[in-house]
Amino acid sequence: PALYDELLVIRACLKSLPEIKLDIDYEVYNQQNKPICKGNS
């Protein structure tokens, strides 16, 4: 979990040149650089 008042880093990566779809991977880290979650849209 991420906690109240934590400063999170959200990293968004476009790993391939888009054609019709925009495929983005995400990684979220807390201030201690511990992974909070990862995702994709």
Full PDB file with SEQRES, HELIX, SHEET, SSBOND, CRYST1, ORIGX, SCALE, CONECT and MASTER records, all heavy atoms in Angstrom:
SEQRES   1 A   41  PRO ALA LEU TYR ASP GLU LEU LEU VAL ILE ARG ALA CYS          
SEQRES   2 A   41  LEU LYS SER LEU PRO GLU ILE LYS LEU ASP ILE ASP TYR          
SEQRES   3 A   41  GLU VAL TYR ASN GLN GLN ASN LYS PRO ILE CYS LYS GLY          
SEQRES   4 A   41  ASN SER                                                      
SHEET    1 AA1 3 VAL A   9  LEU A  14  0                                        
SHEET    2 AA1 3 ILE A  24  TYR A  29 -1                                        
SHEET    3 AA1 3 PRO A  35  ASN A  40 -1                                        
CRYST1    1.000    1.000    1.000  90.00  90.00  90.00 P 1           1          
ORIGX1      1.000000  0.000000  0.000000        0.00000                         
ORIGX2      0.000000  1.000000  0.000000        0.00000                         
ORIGX3      0.000000  0.000000  1.000000        0.00000                         
SCALE1      1.000000  0.000000  0.000000        0.00000                         
SCALE2      0.000000  1.000000  0.000000        0.00000                         
SCALE3      0.000000  0.000000  1.000000        0.00000                         
ATOM      1  N   PRO A   1       0.811  -1.223   0.000  1.00  0.00           N  
ATOM      2  CA  PRO A   1       0.000   0.000   0.000  1.00  0.00           C  
ATOM      3  C   PRO A   1       0.842   1.270   0.000  1.00  0.00           C  
ATOM      4  O   PRO A   1       1.942   1.317   0.555  1.00  0.00           O  
ATOM      5  CB  PRO A   1      -0.803  -0.111   1.297  1.00  0.00           C  
ATOM      6  CG  PRO A   1       0.011  -1.004   2.178  1.00  0.00           C  
ATOM      7  CD  PRO A   1       0.721  -1.958   1.262  1.00  0.00           C  
ATOM      8  N   ALA A   2       0.280   2.285  -0.627  1.00  0.00           N  
ATOM      9  CA  ALA A   2       0.818   3.637  -0.505  1.00  0.00           C  
ATOM     10  C   ALA A   2       0.073   4.283   0.656  1.00  0.00           C  
ATOM     11  O   ALA A   2      -1.124   4.036   0.857  1.00  0.00           O  
ATOM     12  CB  ALA A   2       0.590   4.423  -1.789  1.00  0.00           C  
ATOM     13  N   LEU A   3       0.752   5.117   1.401  1.00  0.00           N  
ATOM     14  CA  LEU A   3       0.189   5.697   2.618  1.00  0.00           C  
ATOM     15  C   LEU A   3       0.005   7.205   2.489  1.00  0.00           C  
ATOM     16  O   LEU A   3       0.653   7.859   1.668  1.00  0.00           O  
ATOM     17  CB  LEU A   3       1.107   5.391   3.805  1.00  0.00           C  
ATOM     18  CG  LEU A   3       1.454   3.914   4.012  1.00  0.00           C  
ATOM     19  CD1 LEU A   3       2.493   3.770   5.106  1.00  0.00           C  
ATOM     20  CD2 LEU A   3       0.203   3.105   4.318  1.00  0.00           C  
ATOM     21  N   TYR A   4      -0.863   7.728   3.347  1.00  0.00           N  
ATOM     22  CA  TYR A   4      -1.102   9.167   3.379  1.00  0.00           C  
ATOM     23  C   TYR A   4       0.216   9.944   3.480  1.00  0.00           C  
ATOM     24  O   TYR A   4       1.102   9.588   4.236  1.00  0.00           O  
ATOM     25  CB  TYR A   4      -2.013   9.525   4.560  1.00  0.00           C  
ATOM     26  CG  TYR A   4      -2.040  10.985   4.863  1.00  0.00           C  
ATOM     27  CD1 TYR A   4      -2.567  11.889   3.942  1.00  0.00           C  
ATOM     28  CD2 TYR A   4      -1.516  11.481   6.046  1.00  0.00           C  
ATOM     29  CE1 TYR A   4      -2.567  13.249   4.202  1.00  0.00           C  
ATOM     30  CE2 TYR A   4      -1.529  12.836   6.323  1.00  0.00           C  
ATOM     31  CZ  TYR A   4      -2.056  13.715   5.386  1.00  0.00           C  
ATOM     32  OH  TYR A   4      -2.052  15.059   5.652  1.00  0.00           O  
ATOM     33  N   ASP A   5       0.323  10.982   2.689  1.00  0.00           N  
ATOM     34  CA  ASP A   5       1.430  11.938   2.655  1.00  0.00           C  
ATOM     35  C   ASP A   5       2.719  11.391   2.042  1.00  0.00           C  
ATOM     36  O   ASP A   5       3.726  12.086   1.997  1.00  0.00           O  
ATOM     37  CB  ASP A   5       1.707  12.526   4.046  1.00  0.00           C  
ATOM     38  CG  ASP A   5       2.391  13.882   3.955  1.00  0.00           C  
ATOM     39  OD1 ASP A   5       2.034  14.676   3.051  1.00  0.00           O  
ATOM     40  OD2 ASP A   5       3.291  14.161   4.764  1.00  0.00           O  
ATOM     41  N   GLU A   6       2.699  10.146   1.556  1.00  0.00           N  
ATOM     42  CA  GLU A   6       3.873   9.645   0.854  1.00  0.00           C  
ATOM     43  C   GLU A   6       3.975  10.328  -0.513  1.00  0.00           C  
ATOM     44  O   GLU A   6       2.967  10.539  -1.183  1.00  0.00           O  
ATOM     45  CB  GLU A   6       3.782   8.134   0.622  1.00  0.00           C  
ATOM     46  CG  GLU A   6       4.193   7.308   1.796  1.00  0.00           C  
ATOM     47  CD  GLU A   6       4.319   5.834   1.451  1.00  0.00           C  
ATOM     48  OE1 GLU A   6       3.417   5.270   0.808  1.00  0.00           O  
ATOM     49  OE2 GLU A   6       5.331   5.245   1.856  1.00  0.00           O  
ATOM     50  N   LEU A   7       5.196  10.646  -0.882  1.00  0.00           N  
ATOM     51  CA  LEU A   7       5.450  11.175  -2.212  1.00  0.00           C  
ATOM     52  C   LEU A   7       5.752   9.980  -3.115  1.00  0.00           C  
ATOM     53  O   LEU A   7       6.721   9.259  -2.896  1.00  0.00           O  
ATOM     54  CB  LEU A   7       6.618  12.156  -2.216  1.00  0.00           C  
ATOM     55  CG  LEU A   7       6.895  12.836  -3.550  1.00  0.00           C  
ATOM     56  CD1 LEU A   7       5.710  13.705  -3.969  1.00  0.00           C  
ATOM     57  CD2 LEU A   7       8.162  13.678  -3.455  1.00  0.00           C  
ATOM     58  N   LEU A   8       4.898   9.765  -4.114  1.00  0.00           N  
ATOM     59  CA  LEU A   8       5.060   8.637  -5.011  1.00  0.00           C  
ATOM     60  C   LEU A   8       5.677   9.085  -6.325  1.00  0.00           C  
ATOM     61  O   LEU A   8       5.446  10.200  -6.782  1.00  0.00           O  
ATOM     62  CB  LEU A   8       3.698   7.991  -5.296  1.00  0.00           C  
ATOM     63  CG  LEU A   8       2.908   7.518  -4.086  1.00  0.00           C  
ATOM     64  CD1 LEU A   8       1.579   6.924  -4.539  1.00  0.00           C  
ATOM     65  CD2 LEU A   8       3.700   6.524  -3.254  1.00  0.00           C  
ATOM     66  N   VAL A   9       6.448   8.199  -6.913  1.00  0.00           N  
ATOM     67  CA  VAL A   9       6.976   8.393  -8.255  1.00  0.00           C  
ATOM     68  C   VAL A   9       6.194   7.464  -9.164  1.00  0.00           C  
ATOM     69  O   VAL A   9       6.136   6.257  -8.912  1.00  0.00           O  
ATOM     70  CB  VAL A   9       8.480   8.057  -8.332  1.00  0.00           C  
ATOM     71  CG1 VAL A   9       8.978   8.135  -9.763  1.00  0.00           C  
ATOM     72  CG2 VAL A   9       9.284   8.969  -7.427  1.00  0.00           C  
ATOM     73  N   ILE A  10       5.572   8.033 -10.184  1.00  0.00           N  
ATOM     74  CA  ILE A  10       4.856   7.232 -11.170  1.00  0.00           C  
ATOM     75  C   ILE A  10       5.646   7.313 -12.462  1.00  0.00           C  
ATOM     76  O   ILE A  10       5.843   8.383 -13.016  1.00  0.00           O  
ATOM     77  CB  ILE A  10       3.408   7.708 -11.379  1.00  0.00           C  
ATOM     78  CG1 ILE A  10       2.608   7.582 -10.085  1.00  0.00           C  
ATOM     79  CG2 ILE A  10       2.721   6.869 -12.448  1.00  0.00           C  
ATOM     80  CD1 ILE A  10       2.618   8.782  -9.249  1.00  0.00           C  
ATOM     81  N   ARG A  11       6.110   6.165 -12.905  1.00  0.00           N  
ATOM     82  CA  ARG A  11       6.903   6.071 -14.138  1.00  0.00           C  
ATOM     83  C   ARG A  11       6.004   5.505 -15.228  1.00  0.00           C  
ATOM     84  O   ARG A  11       5.453   4.413 -15.080  1.00  0.00           O  
ATOM     85  CB  ARG A  11       8.105   5.173 -13.893  1.00  0.00           C  
ATOM     86  CG  ARG A  11       9.021   5.014 -15.068  1.00  0.00           C  
ATOM     87  CD  ARG A  11      10.195   4.100 -14.663  1.00  0.00           C  
ATOM     88  NE  ARG A  11      10.987   3.731 -15.798  1.00  0.00           N  
ATOM     89  CZ  ARG A  11      12.105   4.342 -16.164  1.00  0.00           C  
ATOM     90  NH1 ARG A  11      12.565   5.352 -15.460  1.00  0.00           N  
ATOM     91  NH2 ARG A  11      12.768   3.950 -17.220  1.00  0.00           N  
ATOM     92  N   ALA A  12       5.863   6.248 -16.309  1.00  0.00           N  
ATOM     93  CA  ALA A  12       5.063   5.820 -17.456  1.00  0.00           C  
ATOM     94  C   ALA A  12       6.013   5.554 -18.613  1.00  0.00           C  
ATOM     95  O   ALA A  12       6.842   6.407 -18.937  1.00  0.00           O  
ATOM     96  CB  ALA A  12       4.046   6.889 -17.832  1.00  0.00           C  
ATOM     97  N   CYS A  13       5.887   4.379 -19.230  1.00  0.00           N  
ATOM     98  CA  CYS A  13       6.778   4.000 -20.328  1.00  0.00           C  
ATOM     99  C   CYS A  13       5.996   3.570 -21.554  1.00  0.00           C  
ATOM    100  O   CYS A  13       5.123   2.707 -21.467  1.00  0.00           O  
ATOM    101  CB  CYS A  13       7.703   2.865 -19.909  1.00  0.00           C  
ATOM    102  SG  CYS A  13       8.914   3.323 -18.663  1.00  0.00           S  
ATOM    103  N   LEU A  14       6.366   4.167 -22.647  1.00  0.00           N  
ATOM    104  CA  LEU A  14       5.856   3.780 -23.955  1.00  0.00           C  
ATOM    105  C   LEU A  14       6.939   2.891 -24.552  1.00  0.00           C  
ATOM    106  O   LEU A  14       8.017   3.367 -24.896  1.00  0.00           O  
ATOM    107  CB  LEU A  14       5.628   5.039 -24.791  1.00  0.00           C  
ATOM    108  CG  LEU A  14       5.014   4.903 -26.156  1.00  0.00           C  
ATOM    109  CD1 LEU A  14       3.638   4.278 -26.071  1.00  0.00           C  
ATOM    110  CD2 LEU A  14       4.924   6.279 -26.805  1.00  0.00           C  
ATOM    111  N   LYS A  15       6.663   1.583 -24.635  1.00  0.00           N  
ATOM    112  CA  LYS A  15       7.706   0.630 -25.024  1.00  0.00           C  
ATOM    113  C   LYS A  15       7.761   0.328 -26.506  1.00  0.00           C  
ATOM    114  O   LYS A  15       8.701  -0.292 -26.973  1.00  0.00           O  
ATOM    115  CB  LYS A  15       7.553  -0.656 -24.225  1.00  0.00           C  
ATOM    116  CG  LYS A  15       7.842  -0.434 -22.745  1.00  0.00           C  
ATOM    117  CD  LYS A  15       7.846  -1.715 -21.980  1.00  0.00           C  
ATOM    118  CE  LYS A  15       8.266  -1.454 -20.542  1.00  0.00           C  
ATOM    119  NZ  LYS A  15       8.221  -2.652 -19.731  1.00  0.00           N  
ATOM    120  N   SER A  16       6.729   0.741 -27.231  1.00  0.00           N  
ATOM    121  CA  SER A  16       6.733   0.515 -28.678  1.00  0.00           C  
ATOM    122  C   SER A  16       6.106   1.714 -29.376  1.00  0.00           C  
ATOM    123  O   SER A  16       5.282   2.419 -28.803  1.00  0.00           O  
ATOM    124  CB  SER A  16       5.985  -0.775 -29.033  1.00  0.00           C  
ATOM    125  OG  SER A  16       4.643  -0.688 -28.629  1.00  0.00           O  
ATOM    126  N   LEU A  17       6.524   1.923 -30.589  1.00  0.00           N  
ATOM    127  CA  LEU A  17       5.987   3.012 -31.390  1.00  0.00           C  
ATOM    128  C   LEU A  17       4.506   2.736 -31.654  1.00  0.00           C  
ATOM    129  O   LEU A  17       4.164   1.676 -32.171  1.00  0.00           O  
ATOM    130  CB  LEU A  17       6.761   3.118 -32.704  1.00  0.00           C  
ATOM    131  CG  LEU A  17       6.511   4.342 -33.559  1.00  0.00           C  
ATOM    132  CD1 LEU A  17       6.928   5.604 -32.832  1.00  0.00           C  
ATOM    133  CD2 LEU A  17       7.272   4.226 -34.868  1.00  0.00           C  
ATOM    134  N   PRO A  18       3.629   3.648 -31.279  1.00  0.00           N  
ATOM    135  CA  PRO A  18       2.199   3.378 -31.456  1.00  0.00           C  
ATOM    136  C   PRO A  18       1.779   3.392 -32.923  1.00  0.00           C  
ATOM    137  O   PRO A  18       2.342   4.122 -33.729  1.00  0.00           O  
ATOM    138  CB  PRO A  18       1.523   4.508 -30.684  1.00  0.00           C  
ATOM    139  CG  PRO A  18       2.530   5.590 -30.615  1.00  0.00           C  
ATOM    140  CD  PRO A  18       3.878   4.946 -30.667  1.00  0.00           C  
ATOM    141  N   GLU A  19       0.812   2.564 -33.203  1.00  0.00           N  
ATOM    142  CA  GLU A  19       0.197   2.569 -34.532  1.00  0.00           C  
ATOM    143  C   GLU A  19      -1.251   3.023 -34.362  1.00  0.00           C  
ATOM    144  O   GLU A  19      -1.583   4.162 -34.642  1.00  0.00           O  
ATOM    145  CB  GLU A  19       0.302   1.196 -35.170  1.00  0.00           C  
ATOM    146  CG  GLU A  19       1.737   0.831 -35.507  1.00  0.00           C  
ATOM    147  CD  GLU A  19       1.853  -0.517 -36.176  1.00  0.00           C  
ATOM    148  OE1 GLU A  19       0.837  -1.036 -36.674  1.00  0.00           O  
ATOM    149  OE2 GLU A  19       2.969  -1.060 -36.198  1.00  0.00           O  
ATOM    150  N   ILE A  20      -2.093   2.146 -33.858  1.00  0.00           N  
ATOM    151  CA  ILE A  20      -3.483   2.487 -33.560  1.00  0.00           C  
ATOM    152  C   ILE A  20      -3.684   2.540 -32.049  1.00  0.00           C  
ATOM    153  O   ILE A  20      -4.488   3.303 -31.551  1.00  0.00           O  
ATOM    154  CB  ILE A  20      -4.447   1.466 -34.212  1.00  0.00           C  
ATOM    155  CG1 ILE A  20      -4.348   1.590 -35.732  1.00  0.00           C  
ATOM    156  CG2 ILE A  20      -5.881   1.694 -33.764  1.00  0.00           C  
ATOM    157  CD1 ILE A  20      -5.122   0.534 -36.499  1.00  0.00           C  
ATOM    158  N   LYS A  21      -2.912   1.740 -31.339  1.00  0.00           N  
ATOM    159  CA  LYS A  21      -3.022   1.649 -29.881  1.00  0.00           C  
ATOM    160  C   LYS A  21      -1.862   2.371 -29.209  1.00  0.00           C  
ATOM    161  O   LYS A  21      -0.745   2.366 -29.709  1.00  0.00           O  
ATOM    162  CB  LYS A  21      -3.030   0.195 -29.441  1.00  0.00           C  
ATOM    163  CG  LYS A  21      -4.176  -0.595 -30.016  1.00  0.00           C  
ATOM    164  CD  LYS A  21      -4.009  -2.055 -29.701  1.00  0.00           C  
ATOM    165  CE  LYS A  21      -4.999  -2.875 -30.491  1.00  0.00           C  
ATOM    166  NZ  LYS A  21      -4.647  -4.283 -30.497  1.00  0.00           N  
ATOM    167  N   LEU A  22      -2.155   2.953 -28.072  1.00  0.00           N  
ATOM    168  CA  LEU A  22      -1.143   3.583 -27.231  1.00  0.00           C  
ATOM    169  C   LEU A  22      -1.027   2.705 -25.989  1.00  0.00           C  
ATOM    170  O   LEU A  22      -1.905   2.708 -25.123  1.00  0.00           O  
ATOM    171  CB  LEU A  22      -1.570   5.013 -26.872  1.00  0.00           C  
ATOM    172  CG  LEU A  22      -0.576   5.870 -26.129  1.00  0.00           C  
ATOM    173  CD1 LEU A  22       0.702   6.061 -26.944  1.00  0.00           C  
ATOM    174  CD2 LEU A  22      -1.188   7.209 -25.788  1.00  0.00           C  
ATOM    175  N   ASP A  23       0.019   1.903 -25.917  1.00  0.00           N  
ATOM    176  CA  ASP A  23       0.221   0.902 -24.884  1.00  0.00           C  
ATOM    177  C   ASP A  23       1.255   1.430 -23.892  1.00  0.00           C  
ATOM    178  O   ASP A  23       2.433   1.588 -24.250  1.00  0.00           O  
ATOM    179  CB  ASP A  23       0.695  -0.393 -25.552  1.00  0.00           C  
ATOM    180  CG  ASP A  23       0.692  -1.584 -24.632  1.00  0.00           C  
ATOM    181  OD1 ASP A  23       0.222  -1.478 -23.493  1.00  0.00           O  
ATOM    182  OD2 ASP A  23       1.175  -2.645 -25.073  1.00  0.00           O  
ATOM    183  N   ILE A  24       0.825   1.699 -22.658  1.00  0.00           N  
ATOM    184  CA  ILE A  24       1.708   2.335 -21.678  1.00  0.00           C  
ATOM    185  C   ILE A  24       1.819   1.468 -20.427  1.00  0.00           C  
ATOM    186  O   ILE A  24       0.811   1.024 -19.866  1.00  0.00           O  
ATOM    187  CB  ILE A  24       1.193   3.737 -21.298  1.00  0.00           C  
ATOM    188  CG1 ILE A  24       1.107   4.600 -22.558  1.00  0.00           C  
ATOM    189  CG2 ILE A  24       2.085   4.383 -20.249  1.00  0.00           C  
ATOM    190  CD1 ILE A  24       0.457   5.934 -22.344  1.00  0.00           C  
ATOM    191  N   ASP A  25       3.053   1.228 -19.990  1.00  0.00           N  
ATOM    192  CA  ASP A  25       3.324   0.522 -18.738  1.00  0.00           C  
ATOM    193  C   ASP A  25       3.617   1.541 -17.649  1.00  0.00           C  
ATOM    194  O   ASP A  25       4.234   2.583 -17.906  1.00  0.00           O  
ATOM    195  CB  ASP A  25       4.527  -0.408 -18.892  1.00  0.00           C  
ATOM    196  CG  ASP A  25       4.228  -1.609 -19.766  1.00  0.00           C  
ATOM    197  OD1 ASP A  25       3.055  -2.019 -19.842  1.00  0.00           O  
ATOM    198  OD2 ASP A  25       5.172  -2.142 -20.384  1.00  0.00           O  
ATOM    199  N   TYR A  26       3.196   1.207 -16.424  1.00  0.00           N  
ATOM    200  CA  TYR A  26       3.388   2.100 -15.279  1.00  0.00           C  
ATOM    201  C   TYR A  26       4.055   1.340 -14.148  1.00  0.00           C  
ATOM    202  O   TYR A  26       3.789   0.155 -13.939  1.00  0.00           O  
ATOM    203  CB  TYR A  26       2.040   2.617 -14.758  1.00  0.00           C  
ATOM    204  CG  TYR A  26       1.186   3.266 -15.797  1.00  0.00           C  
ATOM    205  CD1 TYR A  26       0.255   2.532 -16.519  1.00  0.00           C  
ATOM    206  CD2 TYR A  26       1.299   4.624 -16.071  1.00  0.00           C  
ATOM    207  CE1 TYR A  26      -0.532   3.122 -17.489  1.00  0.00           C  
ATOM    208  CE2 TYR A  26       0.513   5.224 -17.035  1.00  0.00           C  
ATOM    209  CZ  TYR A  26      -0.400   4.463 -17.741  1.00  0.00           C  
ATOM    210  OH  TYR A  26      -1.177   5.049 -18.695  1.00  0.00           O  
ATOM    211  N   GLU A  27       4.887   2.068 -13.409  1.00  0.00           N  
ATOM    212  CA  GLU A  27       5.461   1.564 -12.167  1.00  0.00           C  
ATOM    213  C   GLU A  27       5.329   2.682 -11.147  1.00  0.00           C  
ATOM    214  O   GLU A  27       5.598   3.845 -11.458  1.00  0.00           O  
ATOM    215  CB  GLU A  27       6.932   1.204 -12.344  1.00  0.00           C  
ATOM    216  CG  GLU A  27       7.173   0.072 -13.319  1.00  0.00           C  
ATOM    217  CD  GLU A  27       8.656  -0.159 -13.586  1.00  0.00           C  
ATOM    218  OE1 GLU A  27       9.483   0.732 -13.281  1.00  0.00           O  
ATOM    219  OE2 GLU A  27       8.988  -1.226 -14.117  1.00  0.00           O  
ATOM    220  N   VAL A  28       4.916   2.313  -9.928  1.00  0.00           N  
ATOM    221  CA  VAL A  28       4.755   3.294  -8.861  1.00  0.00           C  
ATOM    222  C   VAL A  28       5.670   2.887  -7.716  1.00  0.00           C  
ATOM    223  O   VAL A  28       5.666   1.725  -7.289  1.00  0.00           O  
ATOM    224  CB  VAL A  28       3.284   3.367  -8.376  1.00  0.00           C  
ATOM    225  CG1 VAL A  28       3.139   4.389  -7.253  1.00  0.00           C  
ATOM    226  CG2 VAL A  28       2.348   3.706  -9.534  1.00  0.00           C  
ATOM    227  N   TYR A  29       6.447   3.858  -7.238  1.00  0.00           N  
ATOM    228  CA  TYR A  29       7.385   3.640  -6.133  1.00  0.00           C  
ATOM    229  C   TYR A  29       7.138   4.668  -5.034  1.00  0.00           C  
ATOM    230  O   TYR A  29       6.750   5.799  -5.314  1.00  0.00           O  
ATOM    231  CB  TYR A  29       8.843   3.795  -6.621  1.00  0.00           C  
ATOM    232  CG  TYR A  29       9.225   2.764  -7.644  1.00  0.00           C  
ATOM    233  CD1 TYR A  29       9.072   3.016  -9.002  1.00  0.00           C  
ATOM    234  CD2 TYR A  29       9.731   1.532  -7.252  1.00  0.00           C  
ATOM    235  CE1 TYR A  29       9.417   2.066  -9.953  1.00  0.00           C  
ATOM    236  CE2 TYR A  29      10.078   0.576  -8.200  1.00  0.00           C  
ATOM    237  CZ  TYR A  29       9.917   0.854  -9.542  1.00  0.00           C  
ATOM    238  OH  TYR A  29      10.257  -0.096 -10.471  1.00  0.00           O  
ATOM    239  N   ASN A  30       7.419   4.258  -3.780  1.00  0.00           N  
ATOM    240  CA  ASN A  30       7.319   5.213  -2.679  1.00  0.00           C  
ATOM    241  C   ASN A  30       8.658   5.918  -2.477  1.00  0.00           C  
ATOM    242  O   ASN A  30       9.599   5.727  -3.250  1.00  0.00           O  
ATOM    243  CB  ASN A  30       6.804   4.551  -1.403  1.00  0.00           C  
ATOM    244  CG  ASN A  30       7.762   3.510  -0.837  1.00  0.00           C  
ATOM    245  OD1 ASN A  30       8.932   3.414  -1.226  1.00  0.00           O  
ATOM    246  ND2 ASN A  30       7.265   2.709   0.095  1.00  0.00           N  
ATOM    247  N   GLN A  31       8.748   6.729  -1.425  1.00  0.00           N  
ATOM    248  CA  GLN A  31       9.951   7.534  -1.178  1.00  0.00           C  
ATOM    249  C   GLN A  31      11.174   6.677  -0.873  1.00  0.00           C  
ATOM    250  O   GLN A  31      12.302   7.130  -1.047  1.00  0.00           O  
ATOM    251  CB  GLN A  31       9.693   8.493  -0.005  1.00  0.00           C  
ATOM    252  CG  GLN A  31       8.693   9.570  -0.351  1.00  0.00           C  
ATOM    253  CD  GLN A  31       8.242  10.340   0.861  1.00  0.00           C  
ATOM    254  OE1 GLN A  31       7.143  10.131   1.337  1.00  0.00           O  
ATOM    255  NE2 GLN A  31       9.072  11.226   1.354  1.00  0.00           N  
ATOM    256  N   GLN A  32      10.955   5.464  -0.421  1.00  0.00           N  
ATOM    257  CA  GLN A  32      12.068   4.546  -0.144  1.00  0.00           C  
ATOM    258  C   GLN A  32      12.417   3.717  -1.383  1.00  0.00           C  
ATOM    259  O   GLN A  32      13.183   2.764  -1.290  1.00  0.00           O  
ATOM    260  CB  GLN A  32      11.725   3.613   1.031  1.00  0.00           C  
ATOM    261  CG  GLN A  32      11.616   4.303   2.379  1.00  0.00           C  
ATOM    262  CD  GLN A  32      10.303   5.077   2.525  1.00  0.00           C  
ATOM    263  OE1 GLN A  32       9.260   4.636   2.064  1.00  0.00           O  
ATOM    264  NE2 GLN A  32      10.379   6.233   3.155  1.00  0.00           N  
ATOM    265  N   ASN A  33      11.827   4.074  -2.512  1.00  0.00           N  
ATOM    266  CA  ASN A  33      12.037   3.395  -3.791  1.00  0.00           C  
ATOM    267  C   ASN A  33      11.548   1.941  -3.768  1.00  0.00           C  
ATOM    268  O   ASN A  33      12.049   1.101  -4.508  1.00  0.00           O  
ATOM    269  CB  ASN A  33      13.504   3.470  -4.225  1.00  0.00           C  
ATOM    270  CG  ASN A  33      13.645   3.320  -5.725  1.00  0.00           C  
ATOM    271  OD1 ASN A  33      12.799   3.760  -6.490  1.00  0.00           O  
ATOM    272  ND2 ASN A  33      14.711   2.679  -6.153  1.00  0.00           N  
ATOM    273  N   LYS A  34      10.565   1.667  -2.906  1.00  0.00           N  
ATOM    274  CA  LYS A  34       9.966   0.342  -2.864  1.00  0.00           C  
ATOM    275  C   LYS A  34       8.772   0.321  -3.813  1.00  0.00           C  
ATOM    276  O   LYS A  34       7.997   1.280  -3.877  1.00  0.00           O  
ATOM    277  CB  LYS A  34       9.517   0.001  -1.444  1.00  0.00           C  
ATOM    278  CG  LYS A  34      10.685  -0.183  -0.508  1.00  0.00           C  
ATOM    279  CD  LYS A  34      10.232  -0.639   0.845  1.00  0.00           C  
ATOM    280  CE  LYS A  34      11.454  -0.835   1.727  1.00  0.00           C  
ATOM    281  NZ  LYS A  34      11.082  -1.201   3.087  1.00  0.00           N  
ATOM    282  N   PRO A  35       8.600  -0.775  -4.558  1.00  0.00           N  
ATOM    283  CA  PRO A  35       7.493  -0.835  -5.512  1.00  0.00           C  
ATOM    284  C   PRO A  35       6.137  -0.889  -4.812  1.00  0.00           C  
ATOM    285  O   PRO A  35       5.941  -1.685  -3.889  1.00  0.00           O  
ATOM    286  CB  PRO A  35       7.767  -2.116  -6.298  1.00  0.00           C  
ATOM    287  CG  PRO A  35       8.655  -2.926  -5.438  1.00  0.00           C  
ATOM    288  CD  PRO A  35       9.421  -1.987  -4.564  1.00  0.00           C  
ATOM    289  N   ILE A  36       5.244  -0.042  -5.260  1.00  0.00           N  
ATOM    290  CA  ILE A  36       3.878   0.005  -4.742  1.00  0.00           C  
ATOM    291  C   ILE A  36       2.957  -0.794  -5.662  1.00  0.00           C  
ATOM    292  O   ILE A  36       2.155  -1.597  -5.210  1.00  0.00           O  
ATOM    293  CB  ILE A  36       3.389   1.468  -4.636  1.00  0.00           C  
ATOM    294  CG1 ILE A  36       4.273   2.269  -3.669  1.00  0.00           C  
ATOM    295  CG2 ILE A  36       1.923   1.538  -4.240  1.00  0.00           C  
ATOM    296  CD1 ILE A  36       4.227   1.799  -2.238  1.00  0.00           C  
ATOM    297  N   CYS A  37       3.050  -0.540  -6.940  1.00  0.00           N  
ATOM    298  CA  CYS A  37       2.247  -1.287  -7.902  1.00  0.00           C  
ATOM    299  C   CYS A  37       2.838  -1.116  -9.295  1.00  0.00           C  
ATOM    300  O   CYS A  37       3.706  -0.275  -9.517  1.00  0.00           O  
ATOM    301  CB  CYS A  37       0.783  -0.849  -7.881  1.00  0.00           C  
ATOM    302  SG  CYS A  37       0.432   0.713  -8.676  1.00  0.00           S  
ATOM    303  N   LYS A  38       2.345  -1.937 -10.200  1.00  0.00           N  
ATOM    304  CA  LYS A  38       2.668  -1.768 -11.603  1.00  0.00           C  
ATOM    305  C   LYS A  38       1.384  -1.973 -12.378  1.00  0.00           C  
ATOM    306  O   LYS A  38       0.429  -2.585 -11.881  1.00  0.00           O  
ATOM    307  CB  LYS A  38       3.774  -2.713 -12.060  1.00  0.00           C  
ATOM    308  CG  LYS A  38       3.432  -4.177 -12.019  1.00  0.00           C  
ATOM    309  CD  LYS A  38       4.611  -5.005 -12.486  1.00  0.00           C  
ATOM    310  CE  LYS A  38       4.248  -6.475 -12.514  1.00  0.00           C  
ATOM    311  NZ  LYS A  38       5.351  -7.285 -13.049  1.00  0.00           N  
ATOM    312  N   GLY A  39       1.364  -1.435 -13.573  1.00  0.00           N  
ATOM    313  CA  GLY A  39       0.139  -1.557 -14.348  1.00  0.00           C  
ATOM    314  C   GLY A  39       0.370  -1.281 -15.820  1.00  0.00           C  
ATOM    315  O   GLY A  39       1.494  -1.022 -16.260  1.00  0.00           O  
ATOM    316  N   ASN A  40      -0.721  -1.338 -16.541  1.00  0.00           N  
ATOM    317  CA  ASN A  40      -0.688  -1.090 -17.975  1.00  0.00           C  
ATOM    318  C   ASN A  40      -2.043  -0.545 -18.391  1.00  0.00           C  
ATOM    319  O   ASN A  40      -3.079  -0.986 -17.895  1.00  0.00           O  
ATOM    320  CB  ASN A  40      -0.403  -2.389 -18.732  1.00  0.00           C  
ATOM    321  CG  ASN A  40      -0.504  -2.216 -20.232  1.00  0.00           C  
ATOM    322  OD1 ASN A  40      -1.577  -2.324 -20.804  1.00  0.00           O  
ATOM    323  ND2 ASN A  40       0.617  -1.926 -20.857  1.00  0.00           N  
ATOM    324  N   SER A  41      -2.010   0.418 -19.288  1.00  0.00           N  
ATOM    325  CA  SER A  41      -3.250   0.868 -19.921  1.00  0.00           C  
ATOM    326  C   SER A  41      -3.038   0.851 -21.423  1.00  0.00           C  
ATOM    327  O   SER A  41      -1.957   1.151 -21.913  1.00  0.00           O  
ATOM    328  CB  SER A  41      -3.670   2.267 -19.446  1.00  0.00           C  
ATOM    329  OG  SER A  41      -2.767   3.249 -19.890  1.00  0.00           O  
TER     330      SER A  41                                                      
MASTER        0    0    0    0    3    0    0    6  329    1    0    4          
END                                                                             
